[in-house]
Amino acid sequence: MRLLLDANLSPRIAEGLRAEGIDAVHVVDLGLVTAPDEEIFDRAASEGFTVVTADSDFGTLLAMRRATSPSVVHLRHVAELAPNVHLALLRANLPPILEDLDRGAIVSLSPTRMAVRDLPIR
């Protein structure tokens, strides 16, 4: 699995994931830090990334396009939390959803709840 972290999350999260052997990059690493969501979405889909974001726009793009990729992990209710908490949340919850993300899914993840929905969104 390859993760692409959106600009609304810290690049330190990608660094922490890489330290654990997870293929993770931040949009800043790809020169996409100021790119519109549509461009990030298309790049993720074409290069096999799962988008990790705190932005609901990626779910909207999936629904509007009836897309089967890219998979998206939407971190919810985390704006006030530090990047190390975001990293811990991902570390704890990525293993059980790997197959879902590989198959094509949107995962809504908060400190208290997780929901997985297969793609395309109907």
PDB file of N, CA and C in Angstrom:
ATOM      1  N   MET A   1       0.839  -1.173   0.000  1.00  0.00           N
ATOM      2  CA  MET A   1       0.000   0.000   0.000  1.00  0.00           C
ATOM      3  C   MET A   1       0.887   1.239   0.000  1.00  0.00           C
ATOM      4  N   ARG A   2       0.469   2.207  -0.784  1.00  0.00           N
ATOM      5  CA  ARG A   2       1.168   3.496  -0.871  1.00  0.00           C
ATOM      6  C   ARG A   2       0.224   4.572  -0.375  1.00  0.00           C
ATOM      7  N   LEU A   3       0.711   5.405   0.540  1.00  0.00           N
ATOM      8  CA  LEU A   3      -0.109   6.463   1.101  1.00  0.00           C
ATOM      9  C   LEU A   3       0.369   7.820   0.632  1.00  0.00           C
ATOM     10  N   LEU A   4      -0.584   8.685   0.301  1.00  0.00           N
ATOM     11  CA  LEU A   4      -0.311  10.069  -0.060  1.00  0.00           C
ATOM     12  C   LEU A   4      -1.058  10.949   0.929  1.00  0.00           C
ATOM     13  N   LEU A   5      -0.313  11.654   1.773  1.00  0.00           N
ATOM     14  CA  LEU A   5      -0.914  12.512   2.785  1.00  0.00           C
ATOM     15  C   LEU A   5      -1.173  13.896   2.221  1.00  0.00           C
ATOM     16  N   ASP A   6      -2.369  14.371   2.482  1.00  0.00           N
ATOM     17  CA  ASP A   6      -2.827  15.660   1.988  1.00  0.00           C
ATOM     18  C   ASP A   6      -2.166  16.804   2.757  1.00  0.00           C
ATOM     19  N   ALA A   7      -2.258  17.995   2.195  1.00  0.00           N
ATOM     20  CA  ALA A   7      -1.615  19.187   2.766  1.00  0.00           C
ATOM     21  C   ALA A   7      -2.162  19.561   4.136  1.00  0.00           C
ATOM     22  N   ASN A   8      -3.377  19.118   4.463  1.00  0.00           N
ATOM     23  CA  ASN A   8      -3.949  19.471   5.760  1.00  0.00           C
ATOM     24  C   ASN A   8      -3.419  18.602   6.897  1.00  0.00           C
ATOM     25  N   LEU A   9      -2.505  17.706   6.586  1.00  0.00           N
ATOM     26  CA  LEU A   9      -1.834  16.875   7.589  1.00  0.00           C
ATOM     27  C   LEU A   9      -0.338  17.172   7.556  1.00  0.00           C
ATOM     28  N   SER A  10       0.315  16.964   8.664  1.00  0.00           N
ATOM     29  CA  SER A  10       1.733  17.272   8.780  1.00  0.00           C
ATOM     30  C   SER A  10       2.604  16.290   7.994  1.00  0.00           C
ATOM     31  N   PRO A  11       3.656  16.799   7.341  1.00  0.00           N
ATOM     32  CA  PRO A  11       4.625  15.899   6.700  1.00  0.00           C
ATOM     33  C   PRO A  11       5.287  14.950   7.694  1.00  0.00           C
ATOM     34  N   ARG A  12       5.284  15.300   8.976  1.00  0.00           N
ATOM     35  CA  ARG A  12       5.884  14.423  10.000  1.00  0.00           C
ATOM     36  C   ARG A  12       5.142  13.100  10.105  1.00  0.00           C
ATOM     37  N   ILE A  13       3.874  13.085   9.740  1.00  0.00           N
ATOM     38  CA  ILE A  13       3.115  11.834   9.768  1.00  0.00           C
ATOM     39  C   ILE A  13       3.670  10.878   8.721  1.00  0.00           C
ATOM     40  N   ALA A  14       3.926  11.387   7.525  1.00  0.00           N
ATOM     41  CA  ALA A  14       4.520  10.554   6.468  1.00  0.00           C
ATOM     42  C   ALA A  14       5.891  10.047   6.902  1.00  0.00           C
ATOM     43  N   GLU A  15       6.673  10.912   7.531  1.00  0.00           N
ATOM     44  CA  GLU A  15       7.996  10.504   8.022  1.00  0.00           C
ATOM     45  C   GLU A  15       7.869   9.370   9.029  1.00  0.00           C
ATOM     46  N   GLY A  16       6.926   9.499   9.963  1.00  0.00           N
ATOM     47  CA  GLY A  16       6.719   8.454  10.962  1.00  0.00           C
ATOM     48  C   GLY A  16       6.269   7.141  10.357  1.00  0.00           C
ATOM     49  N   LEU A  17       5.413   7.199   9.358  1.00  0.00           N
ATOM     50  CA  LEU A  17       4.972   5.979   8.676  1.00  0.00           C
ATOM     51  C   LEU A  17       6.123   5.331   7.916  1.00  0.00           C
ATOM     52  N   ARG A  18       6.928   6.153   7.249  1.00  0.00           N
ATOM     53  CA  ARG A  18       8.088   5.609   6.527  1.00  0.00           C
ATOM     54  C   ARG A  18       9.057   4.930   7.485  1.00  0.00           C
ATOM     55  N   ALA A  19       9.228   5.490   8.674  1.00  0.00           N
ATOM     56  CA  ALA A  19      10.125   4.903   9.677  1.00  0.00           C
ATOM     57  C   ALA A  19       9.674   3.500  10.075  1.00  0.00           C
ATOM     58  N   GLU A  20       8.403   3.212   9.860  1.00  0.00           N
ATOM     59  CA  GLU A  20       7.864   1.889  10.163  1.00  0.00           C
ATOM     60  C   GLU A  20       7.761   1.002   8.925  1.00  0.00           C
ATOM     61  N   GLY A  21       8.340   1.460   7.827  1.00  0.00           N
ATOM     62  CA  GLY A  21       8.361   0.654   6.615  1.00  0.00           C
ATOM     63  C   GLY A  21       7.149   0.809   5.724  1.00  0.00           C
ATOM     64  N   ILE A  22       6.320   1.800   5.979  1.00  0.00           N
ATOM     65  CA  ILE A  22       5.129   2.041   5.153  1.00  0.00           C
ATOM     66  C   ILE A  22       5.496   3.048   4.068  1.00  0.00           C
ATOM     67  N   ASP A  23       5.119   2.760   2.851  1.00  0.00           N
ATOM     68  CA  ASP A  23       5.380   3.642   1.717  1.00  0.00           C
ATOM     69  C   ASP A  23       4.427   4.835   1.811  1.00  0.00           C
ATOM     70  N   ALA A  24       4.932   5.943   2.344  1.00  0.00           N
ATOM     71  CA  ALA A  24       4.093   7.126   2.560  1.00  0.00           C
ATOM     72  C   ALA A  24       4.839   8.370   2.111  1.00  0.00           C
ATOM     73  N   VAL A  25       4.130   9.229   1.394  1.00  0.00           N
ATOM     74  CA  VAL A  25       4.677  10.521   0.984  1.00  0.00           C
ATOM     75  C   VAL A  25       3.648  11.590   1.298  1.00  0.00           C
ATOM     76  N   HIS A  26       4.133  12.792   1.408  1.00  0.00           N
ATOM     77  CA  HIS A  26       3.276  13.944   1.639  1.00  0.00           C
ATOM     78  C   HIS A  26       3.174  14.705   0.323  1.00  0.00           C
ATOM     79  N   VAL A  27       2.083  15.426   0.116  1.00  0.00           N
ATOM     80  CA  VAL A  27       1.925  16.174  -1.136  1.00  0.00           C
ATOM     81  C   VAL A  27       3.097  17.124  -1.379  1.00  0.00           C
ATOM     82  N   VAL A  28       3.708  17.623  -0.326  1.00  0.00           N
ATOM     83  CA  VAL A  28       4.861  18.514  -0.492  1.00  0.00           C
ATOM     84  C   VAL A  28       6.013  17.780  -1.186  1.00  0.00           C
ATOM     85  N   ASP A  29       6.151  16.475  -0.937  1.00  0.00           N
ATOM     86  CA  ASP A  29       7.214  15.672  -1.554  1.00  0.00           C
ATOM     87  C   ASP A  29       7.034  15.539  -3.060  1.00  0.00           C
ATOM     88  N   LEU A  30       5.800  15.687  -3.532  1.00  0.00           N
ATOM     89  CA  LEU A  30       5.490  15.532  -4.955  1.00  0.00           C
ATOM     90  C   LEU A  30       5.234  16.867  -5.646  1.00  0.00           C
ATOM     91  N   GLY A  31       5.487  17.961  -4.933  1.00  0.00           N
ATOM     92  CA  GLY A  31       5.247  19.280  -5.512  1.00  0.00           C
ATOM     93  C   GLY A  31       3.777  19.610  -5.672  1.00  0.00           C
ATOM     94  N   LEU A  32       2.927  19.000  -4.833  1.00  0.00           N
ATOM     95  CA  LEU A  32       1.481  19.188  -4.953  1.00  0.00           C
ATOM     96  C   LEU A  32       0.875  19.936  -3.765  1.00  0.00           C
ATOM     97  N   VAL A  33       1.711  20.584  -2.962  1.00  0.00           N
ATOM     98  CA  VAL A  33       1.206  21.185  -1.726  1.00  0.00           C
ATOM     99  C   VAL A  33       0.136  22.248  -1.984  1.00  0.00           C
ATOM    100  N   THR A  34       0.197  22.937  -3.098  1.00  0.00           N
ATOM    101  CA  THR A  34      -0.815  23.953  -3.416  1.00  0.00           C
ATOM    102  C   THR A  34      -1.759  23.503  -4.531  1.00  0.00           C
ATOM    103  N   ALA A  35      -1.654  22.258  -4.926  1.00  0.00           N
ATOM    104  CA  ALA A  35      -2.487  21.738  -6.019  1.00  0.00           C
ATOM    105  C   ALA A  35      -3.938  21.599  -5.573  1.00  0.00           C
ATOM    106  N   PRO A  36      -4.871  21.773  -6.506  1.00  0.00           N
ATOM    107  CA  PRO A  36      -6.278  21.537  -6.169  1.00  0.00           C
ATOM    108  C   PRO A  36      -6.515  20.052  -5.862  1.00  0.00           C
ATOM    109  N   ASP A  37      -7.559  19.796  -5.082  1.00  0.00           N
ATOM    110  CA  ASP A  37      -7.874  18.417  -4.707  1.00  0.00           C
ATOM    111  C   ASP A  37      -8.038  17.509  -5.915  1.00  0.00           C
ATOM    112  N   GLU A  38      -8.618  18.026  -6.999  1.00  0.00           N
ATOM    113  CA  GLU A  38      -8.817  17.208  -8.198  1.00  0.00           C
ATOM    114  C   GLU A  38      -7.484  16.700  -8.760  1.00  0.00           C
ATOM    115  N   GLU A  39      -6.470  17.548  -8.735  1.00  0.00           N
ATOM    116  CA  GLU A  39      -5.152  17.138  -9.242  1.00  0.00           C
ATOM    117  C   GLU A  39      -4.523  16.086  -8.330  1.00  0.00           C
ATOM    118  N   ILE A  40      -4.647  16.270  -7.027  1.00  0.00           N
ATOM    119  CA  ILE A  40      -4.127  15.285  -6.070  1.00  0.00           C
ATOM    120  C   ILE A  40      -4.868  13.966  -6.239  1.00  0.00           C
ATOM    121  N   PHE A  41      -6.177  14.034  -6.386  1.00  0.00           N
ATOM    122  CA  PHE A  41      -7.023  12.856  -6.589  1.00  0.00           C
ATOM    123  C   PHE A  41      -6.570  12.082  -7.828  1.00  0.00           C
ATOM    124  N   ASP A  42      -6.408  12.798  -8.945  1.00  0.00           N
ATOM    125  CA  ASP A  42      -6.012  12.154 -10.198  1.00  0.00           C
ATOM    126  C   ASP A  42      -4.617  11.541 -10.091  1.00  0.00           C
ATOM    127  N   ARG A  43      -3.698  12.242  -9.460  1.00  0.00           N
ATOM    128  CA  ARG A  43      -2.338  11.719  -9.289  1.00  0.00           C
ATOM    129  C   ARG A  43      -2.349  10.458  -8.426  1.00  0.00           C
ATOM    130  N   ALA A  44      -3.115  10.498  -7.349  1.00  0.00           N
ATOM    131  CA  ALA A  44      -3.217   9.326  -6.477  1.00  0.00           C
ATOM    132  C   ALA A  44      -3.791   8.133  -7.240  1.00  0.00           C
ATOM    133  N   ALA A  45      -4.832   8.363  -8.007  1.00  0.00           N
ATOM    134  CA  ALA A  45      -5.450   7.278  -8.770  1.00  0.00           C
ATOM    135  C   ALA A  45      -4.490   6.706  -9.802  1.00  0.00           C
ATOM    136  N   SER A  46      -3.767   7.568 -10.498  1.00  0.00           N
ATOM    137  CA  SER A  46      -2.877   7.086 -11.568  1.00  0.00           C
ATOM    138  C   SER A  46      -1.629   6.394 -11.029  1.00  0.00           C
ATOM    139  N   GLU A  47      -1.218   6.746  -9.811  1.00  0.00           N
ATOM    140  CA  GLU A  47       0.015   6.164  -9.264  1.00  0.00           C
ATOM    141  C   GLU A  47      -0.234   5.149  -8.152  1.00  0.00           C
ATOM    142  N   GLY A  48      -1.489   4.797  -7.921  1.00  0.00           N
ATOM    143  CA  GLY A  48      -1.799   3.744  -6.959  1.00  0.00           C
ATOM    144  C   GLY A  48      -1.677   4.131  -5.500  1.00  0.00           C
ATOM    145  N   PHE A  49      -1.868   5.401  -5.196  1.00  0.00           N
ATOM    146  CA  PHE A  49      -1.826   5.857  -3.808  1.00  0.00           C
ATOM    147  C   PHE A  49      -3.209   5.756  -3.166  1.00  0.00           C
ATOM    148  N   THR A  50      -3.221   5.586  -1.871  1.00  0.00           N
ATOM    149  CA  THR A  50      -4.384   5.831  -1.037  1.00  0.00           C
ATOM    150  C   THR A  50      -4.199   7.216  -0.451  1.00  0.00           C
ATOM    151  N   VAL A  51      -5.204   8.062  -0.558  1.00  0.00           N
ATOM    152  CA  VAL A  51      -5.125   9.419  -0.022  1.00  0.00           C
ATOM    153  C   VAL A  51      -5.495   9.387   1.460  1.00  0.00           C
ATOM    154  N   VAL A  52      -4.678  10.035   2.271  1.00  0.00           N
ATOM    155  CA  VAL A  52      -4.983  10.221   3.690  1.00  0.00           C
ATOM    156  C   VAL A  52      -5.193  11.717   3.879  1.00  0.00           C
ATOM    157  N   THR A  53      -6.367  12.093   4.394  1.00  0.00           N
ATOM    158  CA  THR A  53      -6.742  13.496   4.439  1.00  0.00           C
ATOM    159  C   THR A  53      -7.649  13.779   5.627  1.00  0.00           C
ATOM    160  N   ALA A  54      -7.740  15.037   5.980  1.00  0.00           N
ATOM    161  CA  ALA A  54      -8.742  15.489   6.947  1.00  0.00           C
ATOM    162  C   ALA A  54      -9.804  16.315   6.227  1.00  0.00           C
ATOM    163  N   ASP A  55      -9.845  16.199   4.918  1.00  0.00           N
ATOM    164  CA  ASP A  55     -10.695  16.997   4.043  1.00  0.00           C
ATOM    165  C   ASP A  55     -11.791  16.120   3.439  1.00  0.00           C
ATOM    166  N   SER A  56     -13.046  16.500   3.632  1.00  0.00           N
ATOM    167  CA  SER A  56     -14.160  15.703   3.107  1.00  0.00           C
ATOM    168  C   SER A  56     -14.309  15.815   1.596  1.00  0.00           C
ATOM    169  N   ASP A  57     -13.571  16.727   0.963  1.00  0.00           N
ATOM    170  CA  ASP A  57     -13.692  16.901  -0.490  1.00  0.00           C
ATOM    171  C   ASP A  57     -13.330  15.642  -1.276  1.00  0.00           C
ATOM    172  N   PHE A  58     -12.430  14.822  -0.756  1.00  0.00           N
ATOM    173  CA  PHE A  58     -12.044  13.622  -1.497  1.00  0.00           C
ATOM    174  C   PHE A  58     -13.187  12.613  -1.546  1.00  0.00           C
ATOM    175  N   GLY A  59     -13.968  12.513  -0.492  1.00  0.00           N
ATOM    176  CA  GLY A  59     -15.160  11.664  -0.518  1.00  0.00           C
ATOM    177  C   GLY A  59     -16.171  12.171  -1.522  1.00  0.00           C
ATOM    178  N   THR A  60     -16.306  13.479  -1.602  1.00  0.00           N
ATOM    179  CA  THR A  60     -17.209  14.089  -2.585  1.00  0.00           C
ATOM    180  C   THR A  60     -16.745  13.771  -4.001  1.00  0.00           C
ATOM    181  N   LEU A  61     -15.449  13.889  -4.254  1.00  0.00           N
ATOM    182  CA  LEU A  61     -14.915  13.559  -5.582  1.00  0.00           C
ATOM    183  C   LEU A  61     -15.175  12.095  -5.925  1.00  0.00           C
ATOM    184  N   LEU A  62     -14.975  11.199  -4.964  1.00  0.00           N
ATOM    185  CA  LEU A  62     -15.252   9.781  -5.210  1.00  0.00           C
ATOM    186  C   LEU A  62     -16.707   9.567  -5.599  1.00  0.00           C
ATOM    187  N   ALA A  63     -17.598  10.211  -4.866  1.00  0.00           N
ATOM    188  CA  ALA A  63     -19.028  10.035  -5.129  1.00  0.00           C
ATOM    189  C   ALA A  63     -19.430  10.640  -6.472  1.00  0.00           C
ATOM    190  N   MET A  64     -18.972  11.864  -6.746  1.00  0.00           N
ATOM    191  CA  MET A  64     -19.346  12.530  -8.001  1.00  0.00           C
ATOM    192  C   MET A  64     -18.832  11.775  -9.224  1.00  0.00           C
ATOM    193  N   ARG A  65     -17.647  11.228  -9.110  1.00  0.00           N
ATOM    194  CA  ARG A  65     -17.046  10.516 -10.247  1.00  0.00           C
ATOM    195  C   ARG A  65     -17.418   9.042 -10.290  1.00  0.00           C
ATOM    196  N   ARG A  66     -18.065   8.557  -9.217  1.00  0.00           N
ATOM    197  CA  ARG A  66     -18.366   7.120  -9.086  1.00  0.00           C
ATOM    198  C   ARG A  66     -17.095   6.298  -9.304  1.00  0.00           C
ATOM    199  N   ALA A  67     -16.024   6.812  -8.712  1.00  0.00           N
ATOM    200  CA  ALA A  67     -14.696   6.235  -8.916  1.00  0.00           C
ATOM    201  C   ALA A  67     -14.465   5.012  -8.032  1.00  0.00           C
ATOM    202  N   THR A  68     -13.617   4.121  -8.527  1.00  0.00           N
ATOM    203  CA  THR A  68     -13.210   2.953  -7.752  1.00  0.00           C
ATOM    204  C   THR A  68     -11.815   3.143  -7.164  1.00  0.00           C
ATOM    205  N   SER A  69     -11.185   4.263  -7.503  1.00  0.00           N
ATOM    206  CA  SER A  69      -9.887   4.608  -6.932  1.00  0.00           C
ATOM    207  C   SER A  69      -9.695   6.110  -7.071  1.00  0.00           C
ATOM    208  N   PRO A  70      -8.899   6.691  -6.241  1.00  0.00           N
ATOM    209  CA  PRO A  70      -8.070   6.073  -5.206  1.00  0.00           C
ATOM    210  C   PRO A  70      -8.889   5.802  -3.948  1.00  0.00           C
ATOM    211  N   SER A  71      -8.406   4.871  -3.143  1.00  0.00           N
ATOM    212  CA  SER A  71      -8.985   4.709  -1.819  1.00  0.00           C
ATOM    213  C   SER A  71      -8.646   5.945  -1.005  1.00  0.00           C
ATOM    214  N   VAL A  72      -9.465   6.223  -0.003  1.00  0.00           N
ATOM    215  CA  VAL A  72      -9.295   7.416   0.823  1.00  0.00           C
ATOM    216  C   VAL A  72      -9.463   7.047   2.288  1.00  0.00           C
ATOM    217  N   VAL A  73      -8.546   7.546   3.117  1.00  0.00           N
ATOM    218  CA  VAL A  73      -8.704   7.483   4.569  1.00  0.00           C
ATOM    219  C   VAL A  73      -8.981   8.911   5.013  1.00  0.00           C
ATOM    220  N   HIS A  74     -10.198   9.138   5.501  1.00  0.00           N
ATOM    221  CA  HIS A  74     -10.626  10.472   5.927  1.00  0.00           C
ATOM    222  C   HIS A  74     -10.540  10.538   7.447  1.00  0.00           C
ATOM    223  N   LEU A  75      -9.558  11.273   7.951  1.00  0.00           N
ATOM    224  CA  LEU A  75      -9.428  11.482   9.386  1.00  0.00           C
ATOM    225  C   LEU A  75     -10.421  12.555   9.806  1.00  0.00           C
ATOM    226  N   ARG A  76     -11.271  12.198  10.753  1.00  0.00           N
ATOM    227  CA  ARG A  76     -12.333  13.114  11.193  1.00  0.00           C
ATOM    228  C   ARG A  76     -12.145  13.481  12.648  1.00  0.00           C
ATOM    229  N   HIS A  77     -12.553  14.700  12.979  1.00  0.00           N
ATOM    230  CA  HIS A  77     -12.495  15.192  14.357  1.00  0.00           C
ATOM    231  C   HIS A  77     -11.074  15.151  14.913  1.00  0.00           C
ATOM    232  N   VAL A  78     -10.109  15.526  14.069  1.00  0.00           N
ATOM    233  CA  VAL A  78      -8.703  15.474  14.493  1.00  0.00           C
ATOM    234  C   VAL A  78      -7.995  16.820  14.377  1.00  0.00           C
ATOM    235  N   ALA A  79      -8.693  17.852  13.965  1.00  0.00           N
ATOM    236  CA  ALA A  79      -8.049  19.143  13.711  1.00  0.00           C
ATOM    237  C   ALA A  79      -7.313  19.672  14.933  1.00  0.00           C
ATOM    238  N   GLU A  80      -7.853  19.441  16.113  1.00  0.00           N
ATOM    239  CA  GLU A  80      -7.229  19.966  17.315  1.00  0.00           C
ATOM    240  C   GLU A  80      -6.154  19.044  17.883  1.00  0.00           C
ATOM    241  N   LEU A  81      -5.946  17.907  17.251  1.00  0.00           N
ATOM    242  CA  LEU A  81      -4.975  16.930  17.747  1.00  0.00           C
ATOM    243  C   LEU A  81      -3.613  17.116  17.084  1.00  0.00           C
ATOM    244  N   ALA A  82      -2.569  16.769  17.804  1.00  0.00           N
ATOM    245  CA  ALA A  82      -1.196  16.905  17.315  1.00  0.00           C
ATOM    246  C   ALA A  82      -0.870  15.820  16.287  1.00  0.00           C
ATOM    247  N   PRO A  83       0.115  16.085  15.405  1.00  0.00           N
ATOM    248  CA  PRO A  83       0.493  15.095  14.401  1.00  0.00           C
ATOM    249  C   PRO A  83       0.863  13.728  14.981  1.00  0.00           C
ATOM    250  N   ASN A  84       1.472  13.689  16.163  1.00  0.00           N
ATOM    251  CA  ASN A  84       1.823  12.380  16.733  1.00  0.00           C
ATOM    252  C   ASN A  84       0.567  11.574  17.076  1.00  0.00           C
ATOM    253  N   VAL A  85      -0.537  12.251  17.385  1.00  0.00           N
ATOM    254  CA  VAL A  85      -1.801  11.555  17.635  1.00  0.00           C
ATOM    255  C   VAL A  85      -2.380  11.042  16.314  1.00  0.00           C
ATOM    256  N   HIS A  86      -2.278  11.836  15.257  1.00  0.00           N
ATOM    257  CA  HIS A  86      -2.714  11.382  13.929  1.00  0.00           C
ATOM    258  C   HIS A  86      -1.931  10.133  13.529  1.00  0.00           C
ATOM    259  N   LEU A  87      -0.619  10.176  13.749  1.00  0.00           N
ATOM    260  CA  LEU A  87       0.234   9.043  13.412  1.00  0.00           C
ATOM    261  C   LEU A  87      -0.172   7.807  14.208  1.00  0.00           C
ATOM    262  N   ALA A  88      -0.395   7.956  15.487  1.00  0.00           N
ATOM    263  CA  ALA A  88      -0.804   6.821  16.321  1.00  0.00           C
ATOM    264  C   ALA A  88      -2.148   6.260  15.866  1.00  0.00           C
ATOM    265  N   LEU A  89      -3.062   7.130  15.479  1.00  0.00           N
ATOM    266  CA  LEU A  89      -4.370   6.703  14.993  1.00  0.00           C
ATOM    267  C   LEU A  89      -4.223   5.861  13.721  1.00  0.00           C
ATOM    268  N   LEU A  90      -3.369   6.302  12.821  1.00  0.00           N
ATOM    269  CA  LEU A  90      -3.127   5.538  11.594  1.00  0.00           C
ATOM    270  C   LEU A  90      -2.422   4.225  11.888  1.00  0.00           C
ATOM    271  N   ARG A  91      -1.394   4.259  12.704  1.00  0.00           N
ATOM    272  CA  ARG A  91      -0.666   3.029  13.054  1.00  0.00           C
ATOM    273  C   ARG A  91      -1.613   1.972  13.613  1.00  0.00           C
ATOM    274  N   ALA A  92      -2.495   2.382  14.493  1.00  0.00           N
ATOM    275  CA  ALA A  92      -3.393   1.443  15.158  1.00  0.00           C
ATOM    276  C   ALA A  92      -4.475   0.900  14.233  1.00  0.00           C
ATOM    277  N   ASN A  93      -4.861   1.677  13.230  1.00  0.00           N
ATOM    278  CA  ASN A  93      -6.022   1.296  12.434  1.00  0.00           C
ATOM    279  C   ASN A  93      -5.737   0.862  11.006  1.00  0.00           C
ATOM    280  N   LEU A  94      -4.551   1.083  10.500  1.00  0.00           N
ATOM    281  CA  LEU A  94      -4.264   0.659   9.128  1.00  0.00           C
ATOM    282  C   LEU A  94      -4.258  -0.858   8.952  1.00  0.00           C
ATOM    283  N   PRO A  95      -3.643  -1.631   9.850  1.00  0.00           N
ATOM    284  CA  PRO A  95      -3.590  -3.086   9.602  1.00  0.00           C
ATOM    285  C   PRO A  95      -4.938  -3.743   9.326  1.00  0.00           C
ATOM    286  N   PRO A  96      -5.986  -3.463  10.095  1.00  0.00           N
ATOM    287  CA  PRO A  96      -7.248  -4.163   9.809  1.00  0.00           C
ATOM    288  C   PRO A  96      -7.977  -3.695   8.547  1.00  0.00           C
ATOM    289  N   ILE A  97      -7.553  -2.582   7.943  1.00  0.00           N
ATOM    290  CA  ILE A  97      -8.264  -2.089   6.751  1.00  0.00           C
ATOM    291  C   ILE A  97      -7.442  -2.197   5.470  1.00  0.00           C
ATOM    292  N   LEU A  98      -6.279  -2.816   5.540  1.00  0.00           N
ATOM    293  CA  LEU A  98      -5.409  -2.918   4.356  1.00  0.00           C
ATOM    294  C   LEU A  98      -6.117  -3.563   3.173  1.00  0.00           C
ATOM    295  N   GLU A  99      -6.803  -4.666   3.404  1.00  0.00           N
ATOM    296  CA  GLU A  99      -7.492  -5.348   2.303  1.00  0.00           C
ATOM    297  C   GLU A  99      -8.593  -4.473   1.720  1.00  0.00           C
ATOM    298  N   ASP A 100      -9.308  -3.768   2.576  1.00  0.00           N
ATOM    299  CA  ASP A 100     -10.357  -2.866   2.096  1.00  0.00           C
ATOM    300  C   ASP A 100      -9.767  -1.794   1.193  1.00  0.00           C
ATOM    301  N   LEU A 101      -8.662  -1.193   1.635  1.00  0.00           N
ATOM    302  CA  LEU A 101      -8.033  -0.130   0.849  1.00  0.00           C
ATOM    303  C   LEU A 101      -7.483  -0.662  -0.462  1.00  0.00           C
ATOM    304  N   ASP A 102      -6.919  -1.869  -0.444  1.00  0.00           N
ATOM    305  CA  ASP A 102      -6.416  -2.467  -1.681  1.00  0.00           C
ATOM    306  C   ASP A 102      -7.542  -2.745  -2.665  1.00  0.00           C
ATOM    307  N   ARG A 103      -8.701  -3.108  -2.149  1.00  0.00           N
ATOM    308  CA  ARG A 103      -9.859  -3.426  -2.988  1.00  0.00           C
ATOM    309  C   ARG A 103     -10.537  -2.160  -3.512  1.00  0.00           C
ATOM    310  N   GLY A 104     -10.460  -1.087  -2.736  1.00  0.00           N
ATOM    311  CA  GLY A 104     -11.097   0.181  -3.090  1.00  0.00           C
ATOM    312  C   GLY A 104     -12.141   0.551  -2.057  1.00  0.00           C
ATOM    313  N   ALA A 105     -11.793   1.517  -1.175  1.00  0.00           N
ATOM    314  CA  ALA A 105     -12.707   1.884  -0.099  1.00  0.00           C
ATOM    315  C   ALA A 105     -12.450   3.313   0.345  1.00  0.00           C
ATOM    316  N   ILE A 106     -13.447   3.861   1.010  1.00  0.00           N
ATOM    317  CA  ILE A 106     -13.265   5.100   1.745  1.00  0.00           C
ATOM    318  C   ILE A 106     -13.456   4.736   3.212  1.00  0.00           C
ATOM    319  N   VAL A 107     -12.496   5.131   4.013  1.00  0.00           N
ATOM    320  CA  VAL A 107     -12.518   4.835   5.435  1.00  0.00           C
ATOM    321  C   VAL A 107     -12.631   6.151   6.187  1.00  0.00           C
ATOM    322  N   SER A 108     -13.628   6.239   7.023  1.00  0.00           N
ATOM    323  CA  SER A 108     -13.806   7.388   7.898  1.00  0.00           C
ATOM    324  C   SER A 108     -13.262   6.976   9.257  1.00  0.00           C
ATOM    325  N   LEU A 109     -12.267   7.714   9.727  1.00  0.00           N
ATOM    326  CA  LEU A 109     -11.543   7.308  10.926  1.00  0.00           C
ATOM    327  C   LEU A 109     -11.445   8.477  11.890  1.00  0.00           C
ATOM    328  N   SER A 110     -11.904   8.249  13.108  1.00  0.00           N
ATOM    329  CA  SER A 110     -11.785   9.254  14.158  1.00  0.00           C
ATOM    330  C   SER A 110     -11.211   8.557  15.392  1.00  0.00           C
ATOM    331  N   PRO A 111     -10.883   9.311  16.422  1.00  0.00           N
ATOM    332  CA  PRO A 111     -10.357   8.665  17.628  1.00  0.00           C
ATOM    333  C   PRO A 111     -11.338   7.697  18.290  1.00  0.00           C
ATOM    334  N   THR A 112     -12.617   7.792  17.967  1.00  0.00           N
ATOM    335  CA  THR A 112     -13.602   6.933  18.631  1.00  0.00           C
ATOM    336  C   THR A 112     -14.382   6.024  17.692  1.00  0.00           C
ATOM    337  N   ARG A 113     -14.168   6.149  16.381  1.00  0.00           N
ATOM    338  CA  ARG A 113     -15.016   5.408  15.444  1.00  0.00           C
ATOM    339  C   ARG A 113     -14.309   5.173  14.123  1.00  0.00           C
ATOM    340  N   MET A 114     -14.675   4.055  13.481  1.00  0.00           N
ATOM    341  CA  MET A 114     -14.179   3.789  12.139  1.00  0.00           C
ATOM    342  C   MET A 114     -15.322   3.198  11.322  1.00  0.00           C
ATOM    343  N   ALA A 115     -15.454   3.685  10.088  1.00  0.00           N
ATOM    344  CA  ALA A 115     -16.445   3.148   9.160  1.00  0.00           C
ATOM    345  C   ALA A 115     -15.764   2.930   7.823  1.00  0.00           C
ATOM    346  N   VAL A 116     -16.054   1.801   7.195  1.00  0.00           N
ATOM    347  CA  VAL A 116     -15.465   1.452   5.909  1.00  0.00           C
ATOM    348  C   VAL A 116     -16.591   1.292   4.904  1.00  0.00           C
ATOM    349  N   ARG A 117     -16.414   1.933   3.753  1.00  0.00           N
ATOM    350  CA  ARG A 117     -17.401   1.856   2.675  1.00  0.00           C
ATOM    351  C   ARG A 117     -16.695   1.500   1.380  1.00  0.00           C
ATOM    352  N   ASP A 118     -17.149   0.467   0.721  1.00  0.00           N
ATOM    353  CA  ASP A 118     -16.554   0.039  -0.545  1.00  0.00           C
ATOM    354  C   ASP A 118     -16.803   1.063  -1.646  1.00  0.00           C
ATOM    355  N   LEU A 119     -15.890   1.086  -2.597  1.00  0.00           N
ATOM    356  CA  LEU A 119     -16.027   1.930  -3.783  1.00  0.00           C
ATOM    357  C   LEU A 119     -16.526   1.092  -4.947  1.00  0.00           C
ATOM    358  N   PRO A 120     -17.278   1.662  -5.870  1.00  0.00           N
ATOM    359  CA  PRO A 120     -17.694   3.051  -5.895  1.00  0.00           C
ATOM    360  C   PRO A 120     -18.804   3.319  -4.883  1.00  0.00           C
ATOM    361  N   ILE A 121     -18.895   4.570  -4.446  1.00  0.00           N
ATOM    362  CA  ILE A 121     -19.951   4.965  -3.524  1.00  0.00           C
ATOM    363  C   ILE A 121     -21.257   5.002  -4.309  1.00  0.00           C
ATOM    364  N   ARG A 122     -22.265   4.365  -3.788  1.00  0.00           N
ATOM    365  CA  ARG A 122     -23.560   4.324  -4.472  1.00  0.00           C
ATOM    366  C   ARG A 122     -24.571   5.174  -3.719  1.00  0.00           C
TER     367      ARG A 122
END
